Amino acid sequence: MDTVTFPGARVVGARRRLLGIGRAELAQEAGLPPALLAQLEAGHYDPRSLHELARRVLARRLDITLD
């Protein structure tokens, strides 16, 4: 069974795909490994635990809040 711990984080992947931004590109801009961004998009990683720069980049590029 695949448990989603942080369902609100799934908006990251939805917005990224909607805006046509590649995962590797966004991960690089945010200073994150692509695998970590994939975990975040799947809801398995708490976005609040990202470093400040990563949260700012994701919020700005995807036009979302990560609270």
Protein backbone atom coordinates (compact mmCIF):
# COMPACT_ATOMS: atom_id res chain seq x y z
CA MET A 1 0.00 0.00 0.00
CA ASP A 2 1.35 3.42 -1.01
CA THR A 3 0.66 5.87 1.81
CA VAL A 4 0.66 9.59 1.08
CA THR A 5 1.89 11.32 4.22
CA PHE A 6 1.78 14.92 2.95
CA PRO A 7 -1.08 15.09 0.41
CA GLY A 8 -0.81 18.89 0.12
CA ALA A 9 2.66 18.47 -1.37
CA ARG A 10 1.17 16.76 -4.42
CA VAL A 11 0.25 20.19 -5.78
CA VAL A 12 3.97 20.68 -6.51
CA GLY A 13 3.97 17.98 -9.18
CA ALA A 14 0.59 19.00 -10.56
CA ARG A 15 1.66 22.62 -10.98
CA ARG A 16 5.06 21.65 -12.40
CA ARG A 17 3.42 19.49 -15.07
CA LEU A 18 0.73 22.09 -15.79
CA LEU A 19 3.39 24.75 -16.36
CA GLY A 20 5.52 22.41 -18.48
CA ILE A 21 8.57 22.57 -16.22
CA GLY A 22 10.84 19.52 -16.17
CA ARG A 23 11.54 17.86 -12.84
CA ALA A 24 15.31 17.96 -13.33
CA GLU A 25 15.18 21.64 -14.29
CA LEU A 26 13.09 22.62 -11.27
CA ALA A 27 15.17 20.49 -8.91
CA GLN A 28 18.37 22.12 -10.13
CA GLU A 29 16.95 25.62 -9.70
CA ALA A 30 15.81 24.76 -6.18
CA GLY A 31 19.10 23.09 -5.26
CA LEU A 32 17.44 19.71 -4.71
CA PRO A 33 18.19 16.23 -6.01
CA PRO A 34 15.53 15.21 -8.57
CA ALA A 35 14.79 12.11 -6.48
CA LEU A 36 13.89 14.29 -3.49
CA LEU A 37 11.60 16.43 -5.65
CA ALA A 38 9.94 13.21 -6.87
CA GLN A 39 9.36 12.15 -3.24
CA LEU A 40 7.89 15.55 -2.48
CA GLU A 41 5.57 15.38 -5.49
CA ALA A 42 4.41 11.92 -4.41
CA GLY A 43 3.49 13.28 -0.97
CA HIS A 44 6.21 11.35 0.87
CA TYR A 45 8.30 14.35 1.93
CA ASP A 46 7.24 17.30 4.06
CA PRO A 47 7.78 20.49 2.03
CA ARG A 48 8.17 22.47 5.24
CA SER A 49 11.46 20.68 5.90
CA LEU A 50 13.06 21.96 2.67
CA HIS A 51 15.72 24.62 3.02
CA GLU A 52 14.52 28.21 2.64
CA LEU A 53 15.96 28.73 -0.86
CA ALA A 54 14.22 25.60 -2.18
CA ARG A 55 10.88 26.68 -0.72
CA ARG A 56 11.21 30.16 -2.22
CA VAL A 57 12.17 28.83 -5.67
CA LEU A 58 9.30 26.32 -5.72
CA ALA A 59 6.80 28.91 -4.50
CA ARG A 60 7.92 31.47 -7.08
CA ARG A 61 8.24 29.15 -10.08
CA LEU A 62 5.01 27.27 -9.38
CA ASP A 63 3.04 30.21 -7.94
CA ILE A 64 2.08 28.26 -4.81
CA THR A 65 2.61 28.45 -1.06
CA LEU A 66 4.36 25.69 0.86
CA ASP A 67 2.92 26.05 4.36
